[in-house]
C-alpha cells in the first residue's frame, strides 16, 4: 500500500502546478505558497535546536498558539517552525510576530520533496496536529530517528473506518509515532486500534487560550452595533449565508433595528455571498474601515481575516457555521470565551465533546434548520448573556489542559 501511495502522490506532484494555478485564480494560493509546497525553502534556518509543528489550517494552528507562546520562552529552543496548508493559517502565524517562530507552507508529501525539507530544517521533534498524518514525512522522520508526536489527535469514526480498510498500512504509519495525545477518549480508542503504541488523553488542547490576545475593535463599528439588535453568523460555508439571510428577513419582522453580521469561513467567496444576499433584497455592507455604514444596512459582511474576535467582543449571539451542512462544524470555544451565546446545526462531529461540554453549561444551543434557528434567536436576542463565571471556568479548564500537555511534551 505504501508503494501505491507513493505512485499516487507523485502523480499529484506532477499535476500540482496546474492544481495550484487554479487555486491561484481562486485566491487560495499565492506565489510564495506555490513555491514552498513544491519544495522551495524561503526561510532561514538558524543554528541550534528547532522544533516543528504542522497543522492543516486555521483551527489547528490556533489551538497550538498558547503552546508556542510558552515554548518561545524556552532558552534551549532556538527556532520554532510552523507549517500549514492554507493562506488563512499563514496570516495567523505571521500576525503573532513571535521572535523564534517562522511559518512555511507544508510541502507535497513526495519522498524526495519531504527528504529535502527535513534535510534543511533538521527538527529535533516533530508535532502533527489533529489528523494531519502524511506517510512519507512520518516515515522519513522515523528513519532519521526524530521523535514524532501526534498532538490533539482527532480520529473520527469515518476517518477510522477509512484507515481500517488498509489496516496493515495504518499500523505501519501509526506505530512510528513516539506517542500520541488524543483530543478525546473516542480518538484514544481509535488510535490504539490503528497501531499507535503510546496514547494518552489529557484533554482537548483547543480549550486553552493565548495569554497575549490583543483585540483591536473598530470604534465606529462598535458604536454602530450598540445601537442595533445584532447577531453574528461565523465560519459559514456555502448555502449557510443564504439561510442566514432568510433568518434575518424573518427576525426583522420583530426586530426592526436588526443587523446580521456574516463572517464566512473562506473570504474568497465574498463576491458570491454578496450576490446571493442581493437576490434576497438585503442591503449588504462590505467590511471596510473607511466605508461609512448606512443606517438601513441589513448584513455586515466581513471580507478579510482577523476580525472574528473583535466581532465576538461586541456581538453576543453567534451562529457557528459548517453545522447546518454536513461539514462537521467549527470550533465554538473562541466565541464562548468572549461570553457569546452559541447556536449550531446538527452536524458537529468535529467538535462533539466540546459542544457537549458547552451544552451542559447552557452556553450552546442546537438548531435543526433555518426556521428553528429563527425561533431560537427570537427567544434569546433579548436575554442577557451567561455569567462571567462561565468564562472564568473555561479559562481554568484550558489552563489545566495546557499545563498537562506542556509537561508531557517538554
Protein backbone atom coordinates (compact mmCIF):
# COMPACT_ATOMS: atom_id res chain seq x y z
CA UNK A 1 0.00 0.00 0.00
CA UNK A 2 2.90 2.36 0.73
CA UNK A 3 4.13 1.81 -2.83
CA UNK A 4 0.67 2.63 -4.23
CA UNK A 5 0.52 5.76 -2.05
CA UNK A 6 3.85 6.92 -3.46
CA UNK A 7 2.66 6.39 -7.03
CA UNK A 8 -0.47 8.44 -6.34
CA UNK A 9 1.32 11.26 -4.51
CA UNK A 10 3.88 11.53 -7.33
CA UNK A 11 1.02 11.89 -9.81
CA UNK A 12 -0.36 14.68 -7.61
CA UNK A 13 3.07 16.34 -7.60
CA UNK A 14 3.27 16.09 -11.40
CA UNK A 15 -0.07 17.86 -11.78
CA UNK A 16 0.47 20.22 -8.83
CA UNK A 17 1.38 23.26 -11.00
CA UNK A 18 -1.97 23.00 -12.77
CA UNK A 19 -3.83 22.46 -9.49
CA UNK A 20 -2.12 25.41 -7.82
CA UNK A 21 -2.66 27.69 -10.86
CA UNK A 22 -6.38 27.02 -10.49
CA UNK A 23 -6.11 27.78 -6.77
CA UNK A 24 -4.15 30.95 -7.55
CA UNK A 25 -7.02 32.10 -9.74
CA UNK A 26 -9.41 31.44 -6.84
CA UNK A 27 -7.11 33.35 -4.44
CA UNK A 28 -6.49 30.23 -2.36
CA UNK A 29 -2.76 30.31 -3.10
CA UNK A 30 -0.05 32.87 -3.82
CA UNK A 31 3.36 32.54 -5.49
CA UNK A 32 5.11 32.01 -2.16
CA UNK A 33 2.78 29.20 -1.08
CA UNK A 34 3.11 27.58 -4.52
CA UNK A 35 6.93 27.55 -4.38
CA UNK A 36 7.09 26.26 -0.80
CA UNK A 37 4.59 23.50 -1.50
CA UNK A 38 6.69 22.13 -4.33
CA UNK A 39 9.83 22.09 -2.19
CA UNK A 40 11.47 25.53 -2.31
CA UNK A 41 12.75 26.90 1.02
CA UNK A 42 12.20 30.63 1.60
CA UNK A 43 13.01 30.98 5.31
CA UNK A 44 16.38 30.82 7.06
CA UNK A 45 17.17 28.01 9.47
CA UNK A 46 19.10 29.37 12.47
CA UNK A 47 21.64 27.22 14.31
CA UNK A 48 20.56 25.28 17.38
CA UNK A 49 17.55 23.23 18.43
CA UNK A 50 14.46 23.51 16.21
CA UNK A 51 11.05 22.01 16.90
CA UNK A 52 8.40 21.67 14.22
CA UNK A 53 4.60 21.87 14.36
CA UNK A 54 2.35 21.03 11.43
CA UNK A 55 -1.38 21.70 11.25
CA UNK A 56 -3.74 21.78 8.30
CA UNK A 57 -5.39 25.17 8.64
CA UNK A 58 -6.75 27.88 10.92
CA UNK A 59 -8.28 25.73 13.67
CA UNK A 60 -5.24 23.52 14.13
CA UNK A 61 -2.82 26.45 14.18
CA UNK A 62 -4.92 28.46 16.62
CA UNK A 63 -5.01 25.50 19.01
CA UNK A 64 -1.21 25.46 19.39
CA UNK A 65 -0.62 29.21 19.78
CA UNK A 66 -0.71 29.04 23.62
CA UNK A 67 1.79 26.18 23.49
CA UNK A 68 4.10 28.05 21.10
CA UNK A 69 3.99 31.15 23.30
CA UNK A 70 5.29 29.08 26.21
CA UNK A 71 7.95 27.33 24.12
CA UNK A 72 9.19 30.72 22.88
CA UNK A 73 10.43 31.33 26.45
CA UNK A 74 12.50 28.11 26.49
CA UNK A 75 16.15 29.13 26.10
CA UNK A 76 17.08 25.64 24.87
CA UNK A 77 14.94 26.15 21.74
CA UNK A 78 16.49 28.31 19.03
CA UNK A 79 13.69 28.20 16.47
CA UNK A 80 10.09 27.02 16.10
CA UNK A 81 8.89 26.05 12.64
CA UNK A 82 5.15 26.06 11.94
CA UNK A 83 3.83 24.63 8.68
CA UNK A 84 0.29 24.60 7.34
CA UNK A 85 -1.62 24.20 4.09
CA UNK A 86 -3.72 27.36 3.77
CA UNK A 87 -3.18 31.08 3.29
CA UNK A 88 -5.54 31.95 6.14
CA UNK A 89 -3.49 29.93 8.65
CA UNK A 90 -0.25 31.57 7.44
CA UNK A 91 -1.76 35.01 8.12
CA UNK A 92 -2.48 33.97 11.71
CA UNK A 93 1.11 32.85 12.37
CA UNK A 94 2.64 35.92 10.71
CA UNK A 95 0.46 38.28 12.76
CA UNK A 96 1.79 36.82 16.00
CA UNK A 97 5.21 38.46 15.50
CA UNK A 98 6.89 35.86 17.70
CA UNK A 99 10.67 36.12 17.91
CA UNK A 100 11.62 32.47 17.32
CA UNK A 101 8.68 31.26 15.24
CA UNK A 102 8.65 31.10 11.44
CA UNK A 103 5.99 29.84 9.06
CA UNK A 104 6.37 27.85 5.87
CA UNK A 105 3.80 26.01 3.79
CA UNK A 106 3.86 22.24 4.11
CA UNK A 107 5.48 20.63 1.06
CA UNK A 108 3.72 18.00 -1.02
CA UNK A 109 4.34 14.62 0.61
CA UNK A 110 6.58 13.16 -2.11
CA UNK A 111 9.56 11.26 -0.77
CA UNK A 112 12.21 13.44 -2.43
CA UNK A 113 10.46 16.72 -1.50
CA UNK A 114 9.95 15.56 2.08
CA UNK A 115 13.60 14.47 2.34
CA UNK A 116 14.80 17.84 1.03
CA UNK A 117 12.59 19.64 3.54
CA UNK A 118 13.84 17.57 6.52
CA UNK A 119 17.49 17.76 5.43
CA UNK A 120 17.23 21.56 5.51
CA UNK A 121 15.23 22.10 8.71
CA UNK A 122 16.58 19.14 10.77
CA UNK A 123 13.91 19.32 13.52
CA UNK A 124 14.65 17.91 16.97
CA UNK A 125 10.97 16.97 17.37
CA UNK A 126 8.01 16.91 15.00
CA UNK A 127 4.43 17.53 16.10
CA UNK A 128 1.48 16.71 13.85
CA UNK A 129 -1.76 18.34 14.98
CA UNK A 130 -5.25 16.89 14.88
CA UNK A 131 -5.47 14.42 11.98
CA UNK A 132 -2.60 15.68 9.80
CA UNK A 133 -0.73 12.46 9.05
CA UNK A 134 1.48 12.28 5.96
CA UNK A 135 3.05 8.84 5.32
CA UNK A 136 6.28 9.81 3.56
CA UNK A 137 7.09 12.57 6.02
CA UNK A 138 6.33 10.31 9.00
CA UNK A 139 8.47 7.54 7.51
CA UNK A 140 11.37 9.91 6.77
CA UNK A 141 11.26 11.32 10.29
CA UNK A 142 11.24 7.79 11.72
CA UNK A 143 14.24 6.76 9.60
CA UNK A 144 16.12 9.84 10.86
CA UNK A 145 15.23 8.88 14.46
CA UNK A 146 13.47 12.21 15.01
CA UNK A 147 10.70 11.91 17.67
CA UNK A 148 7.20 12.14 16.16
CA UNK A 149 4.26 13.24 18.31
CA UNK A 150 0.60 13.42 17.36
CA UNK A 151 -0.79 16.40 19.24
CA UNK A 152 -4.50 16.73 20.00
CA UNK A 153 -5.02 13.74 17.73
CA UNK A 154 -8.55 13.54 16.40
CA UNK A 155 -9.78 10.41 14.65
CA UNK A 156 -13.48 10.39 13.82
CA UNK A 157 -15.36 7.16 13.21
CA UNK A 158 -15.44 7.98 9.50
CA UNK A 159 -11.67 8.53 9.40
CA UNK A 160 -11.07 5.39 11.47
CA UNK A 161 -13.11 3.27 9.05
CA UNK A 162 -11.12 4.65 6.10
CA UNK A 163 -7.79 3.79 7.72
CA UNK A 164 -9.02 0.32 8.70
CA UNK A 165 -9.61 -0.55 5.04
CA UNK A 166 -5.80 -0.60 4.88
CA UNK A 167 -5.08 -1.93 8.37
CA UNK A 168 -1.51 -3.08 7.65
CA UNK A 169 -0.69 0.32 6.17
CA UNK A 170 -2.26 2.15 9.13
CA UNK A 171 -0.21 0.08 11.58
CA UNK A 172 2.93 0.77 9.52
CA UNK A 173 2.32 4.54 9.87
CA UNK A 174 0.78 4.93 13.34
CA UNK A 175 3.31 2.64 15.03
CA UNK A 176 6.03 5.13 14.07
CA UNK A 177 4.69 7.82 16.41
CA UNK A 178 6.64 8.00 19.67
CA UNK A 179 3.44 8.95 21.44
CA UNK A 180 0.00 10.39 20.72
CA UNK A 181 -2.01 12.85 22.80
CA UNK A 182 -5.61 12.41 21.74
CA UNK A 183 -8.32 15.08 21.63
CA UNK A 184 -10.94 12.75 23.14
CA UNK A 185 -11.46 9.33 24.70
CA UNK A 186 -13.01 8.14 21.43
CA UNK A 187 -9.93 9.21 19.46
CA UNK A 188 -7.72 7.49 22.02
CA UNK A 189 -9.55 4.21 21.41
CA UNK A 190 -9.31 4.58 17.62
CA UNK A 191 -5.60 5.50 17.69
CA UNK A 192 -4.79 2.35 19.65
CA UNK A 193 -6.69 0.19 17.18
CA UNK A 194 -4.87 1.85 14.28
CA UNK A 195 -1.49 0.84 15.69
CA UNK A 196 -0.34 3.65 17.99
CA UNK A 197 1.57 2.19 20.94
CA UNK A 198 1.61 5.06 23.43
CA UNK A 199 -1.66 7.03 23.58
CA UNK A 200 -2.88 9.37 26.32
CA UNK A 201 -5.89 11.64 26.71
CA UNK A 202 -5.06 14.73 28.77
CA UNK A 203 -7.85 16.94 27.47
CA UNK A 204 -8.58 18.83 24.27
CA UNK A 205 -5.89 21.44 23.59
CA UNK A 206 -8.47 23.69 21.93
CA UNK A 207 -9.75 24.62 25.39
CA UNK A 208 -6.50 26.50 26.02
CA UNK A 209 -6.14 30.14 25.05
CA UNK A 210 -3.41 32.66 24.38
CA UNK A 211 -2.38 34.95 27.23
CA UNK A 212 -1.32 37.62 24.74
CA UNK A 213 -4.58 38.32 22.96
CA UNK A 214 -4.71 41.85 21.63
CA UNK A 215 -8.12 42.53 20.17
CA UNK A 216 -8.45 45.71 18.15
CA UNK A 217 -12.01 46.97 17.90
CA UNK A 218 -13.24 49.29 15.18
CA UNK A 219 -14.76 52.04 17.31
CA UNK A 220 -17.13 53.14 14.54
CA UNK A 221 -18.40 49.59 14.13
CA UNK A 222 -18.79 49.15 17.89
CA UNK A 223 -20.74 52.43 18.13
CA UNK A 224 -22.97 51.39 15.23
CA UNK A 225 -23.68 47.90 16.59
CA UNK A 226 -24.53 49.12 20.07
CA UNK A 227 -27.48 50.98 18.59
CA UNK A 228 -28.74 47.79 16.94
CA UNK A 229 -30.13 44.37 17.75
CA UNK A 230 -27.39 42.17 16.35
CA UNK A 231 -26.42 38.57 15.80
CA UNK A 232 -23.44 37.04 14.05
CA UNK A 233 -23.04 34.06 11.73
CA UNK A 234 -19.39 33.00 11.87
CA UNK A 235 -17.33 30.45 9.89
CA UNK A 236 -20.17 29.97 7.43
CA UNK A 237 -19.95 27.69 4.41
CA UNK A 238 -21.73 27.57 1.08
CA UNK A 239 -25.51 28.00 1.31
CA UNK A 240 -25.43 28.81 5.03
CA UNK A 241 -25.14 32.53 4.21
CA UNK A 242 -28.37 32.39 2.25
CA UNK A 243 -30.07 30.63 5.18
CA UNK A 244 -28.79 33.41 7.44
CA UNK A 245 -30.21 35.98 5.03
CA UNK A 246 -33.62 34.29 5.23
CA UNK A 247 -33.31 34.22 9.03
CA UNK A 248 -32.62 37.96 9.01
CA UNK A 249 -35.76 38.63 6.97
CA UNK A 250 -37.88 36.68 9.46
CA UNK A 251 -36.28 38.26 12.52
CA UNK A 252 -36.71 41.75 11.09
CA UNK A 253 -40.48 41.34 11.36
CA UNK A 254 -39.99 41.56 15.14
CA UNK A 255 -36.71 43.48 15.40
CA UNK A 256 -36.88 46.49 13.09
CA UNK A 257 -33.46 47.69 14.17
CA UNK A 258 -31.72 44.40 13.31
CA UNK A 259 -28.32 43.83 11.75
CA UNK A 260 -26.80 40.46 10.84
CA UNK A 261 -23.02 40.06 10.73
CA UNK A 262 -21.65 37.32 8.48
CA UNK A 263 -18.05 36.11 8.72
CA UNK A 264 -17.51 33.43 6.04
CA UNK A 265 -15.02 30.65 6.66
CA UNK A 266 -13.34 31.46 3.34
CA UNK A 267 -13.32 35.15 2.41
CA UNK A 268 -12.57 34.40 -1.25
CA UNK A 269 -16.30 33.55 -1.52
CA UNK A 270 -17.42 37.06 -0.56
CA UNK A 271 -18.46 38.14 -4.06
CA UNK A 272 -20.72 35.12 -4.47
CA UNK A 273 -22.14 35.55 -0.96
CA UNK A 274 -22.97 39.20 -1.65
CA UNK A 275 -24.66 38.21 -4.90
CA UNK A 276 -26.80 35.60 -3.08
CA UNK A 277 -27.81 38.12 -0.42
CA UNK A 278 -28.55 40.82 -3.00
CA UNK A 279 -31.06 38.42 -4.58
CA UNK A 280 -32.91 38.40 -1.25
CA UNK A 281 -33.14 42.22 -1.49
CA UNK A 282 -30.90 42.66 1.55
CA UNK A 283 -28.73 45.76 1.95
CA UNK A 284 -25.18 44.42 2.30
CA UNK A 285 -22.23 46.42 3.63
CA UNK A 286 -18.74 45.07 2.90
CA UNK A 287 -16.41 45.44 5.85
CA UNK A 288 -14.03 48.35 5.30
CA UNK A 289 -12.84 50.89 7.91
CA UNK A 290 -13.19 53.82 5.51
CA UNK A 291 -16.71 53.00 4.30
CA UNK A 292 -19.48 54.53 6.39
CA UNK A 293 -22.15 52.04 7.39
CA UNK A 294 -25.57 53.11 6.17
CA UNK A 295 -28.40 53.10 8.73
CA UNK A 296 -30.50 50.76 6.59
CA UNK A 297 -27.78 48.07 6.40
CA UNK A 298 -29.17 44.56 6.83
CA UNK A 299 -25.99 42.49 6.60
CA UNK A 300 -22.46 43.46 7.59
CA UNK A 301 -20.29 41.11 5.50
CA UNK A 302 -16.71 40.61 6.68
CA UNK A 303 -14.32 40.22 3.75
CA UNK A 304 -10.94 39.86 5.48
CA UNK A 305 -9.27 37.65 8.07
CA UNK A 306 -8.60 38.59 11.68
CA UNK A 307 -11.89 40.33 12.54
CA UNK A 308 -13.66 37.48 14.34
CA UNK A 309 -12.51 38.21 17.89
CA UNK A 310 -13.38 41.88 17.67
CA UNK A 311 -16.90 40.97 16.47
CA UNK A 312 -17.35 38.41 19.27
CA UNK A 313 -16.37 41.07 21.79
CA UNK A 314 -19.28 43.24 20.62
CA UNK A 315 -21.93 40.80 19.39
CA UNK A 316 -23.04 38.14 21.88
CA UNK A 317 -25.38 35.92 19.84
CA UNK A 318 -23.38 33.75 17.45
CA UNK A 319 -24.35 31.04 14.99
CA UNK A 320 -21.38 28.85 14.06
CA UNK A 321 -21.39 27.52 10.51
CA UNK A 322 -20.28 24.28 8.95
CA UNK A 323 -23.04 22.74 11.04
CA UNK A 324 -26.27 23.16 9.04
CA UNK A 325 -24.46 21.42 6.19
CA UNK A 326 -22.67 18.08 6.51
CA UNK A 327 -19.23 19.54 7.24
CA UNK A 328 -18.64 18.66 10.90
CA UNK A 329 -18.91 22.09 12.48
CA UNK A 330 -16.37 24.69 13.61
CA UNK A 331 -14.69 25.23 16.97
CA UNK A 332 -17.09 27.14 19.30
CA UNK A 333 -14.61 27.87 22.08
CA UNK A 334 -13.40 31.23 20.80
CA UNK A 335 -16.94 32.60 20.83
CA UNK A 336 -17.57 31.06 24.25
CA UNK A 337 -14.51 32.78 25.70
CA UNK A 338 -15.99 36.15 24.79
CA UNK A 339 -19.25 35.42 26.57
CA UNK A 340 -21.26 34.65 23.45
CA UNK A 341 -24.38 32.54 23.32
CA UNK A 342 -23.73 29.93 20.61
CA UNK A 343 -26.13 28.36 18.11
CA UNK A 344 -25.20 25.46 15.85
CA UNK A 345 -26.70 22.94 13.46
CA UNK A 346 -26.78 19.13 13.90
CA UNK A 347 -23.52 18.40 12.03
CA UNK A 348 -20.84 18.95 14.71
CA UNK A 349 -18.91 15.66 14.67
CA UNK A 350 -15.54 17.52 14.57
CA UNK A 351 -16.21 19.09 17.98
CA UNK A 352 -18.66 16.67 19.58
CA UNK A 353 -17.12 16.63 23.08
CA UNK A 354 -16.63 20.40 23.16
CA UNK A 355 -20.27 21.05 22.26
CA UNK A 356 -21.41 18.53 24.89
CA UNK A 357 -19.44 20.49 27.49
CA UNK A 358 -20.93 23.83 26.36
CA UNK A 359 -24.47 22.43 26.24
CA UNK A 360 -24.16 21.27 29.86
CA UNK A 361 -23.16 24.82 30.79
CA UNK A 362 -26.14 26.27 28.83
CA UNK A 363 -23.76 28.12 26.53
CA UNK A 364 -24.64 26.46 23.22
CA UNK A 365 -27.95 25.54 21.59
CA UNK A 366 -28.64 23.04 18.82
CA UNK A 367 -30.81 24.05 15.88
CA UNK A 368 -32.02 21.74 13.12
CA UNK A 369 -32.80 24.13 10.26
CA UNK A 370 -33.27 27.77 9.30
CA UNK A 371 -36.76 28.06 10.80
CA UNK A 372 -35.59 26.57 14.08
CA UNK A 373 -32.62 28.97 14.15
CA UNK A 374 -35.02 31.90 13.66
CA UNK A 375 -37.21 30.71 16.54
CA UNK A 376 -34.23 30.24 18.87
CA UNK A 377 -32.85 33.69 18.10
CA UNK A 378 -36.26 35.26 18.70
CA UNK A 379 -36.24 33.75 22.21
CA UNK A 380 -32.63 34.66 23.01
CA UNK A 381 -31.91 38.08 21.45
CA UNK A 382 -33.48 39.98 24.34
CA UNK A 383 -31.94 37.86 27.09
CA UNK A 384 -28.75 38.65 29.00
CA UNK A 385 -25.58 36.70 28.29
CA UNK A 386 -24.37 33.96 30.59
CA UNK A 387 -22.32 34.84 33.66
CA UNK A 388 -18.67 35.82 33.92
CA UNK A 389 -18.20 32.67 36.00
CA UNK A 390 -18.68 30.56 32.86
CA UNK A 391 -15.95 32.50 31.07
CA UNK A 392 -13.65 32.04 34.07
CA UNK A 393 -14.38 28.30 34.22
CA UNK A 394 -13.50 27.94 30.54
CA UNK A 395 -10.19 29.68 31.10
CA UNK A 396 -9.37 27.50 34.11
CA UNK A 397 -10.19 24.35 32.14
CA UNK A 398 -7.97 25.48 29.27
CA UNK A 399 -5.06 26.35 31.55
CA UNK A 400 -5.28 22.96 33.30
CA UNK A 401 -5.15 21.09 29.96
CA UNK A 402 -2.34 23.28 28.62
CA UNK A 403 -0.22 22.64 31.73
CA UNK A 404 -0.66 18.88 31.43
CA UNK A 405 0.25 18.82 27.72
CA UNK A 406 3.18 21.18 28.15
CA UNK A 407 4.63 18.98 30.92
CA UNK A 408 4.13 15.88 28.75
CA UNK A 409 5.94 17.14 25.66
CA UNK A 410 8.79 19.05 27.32
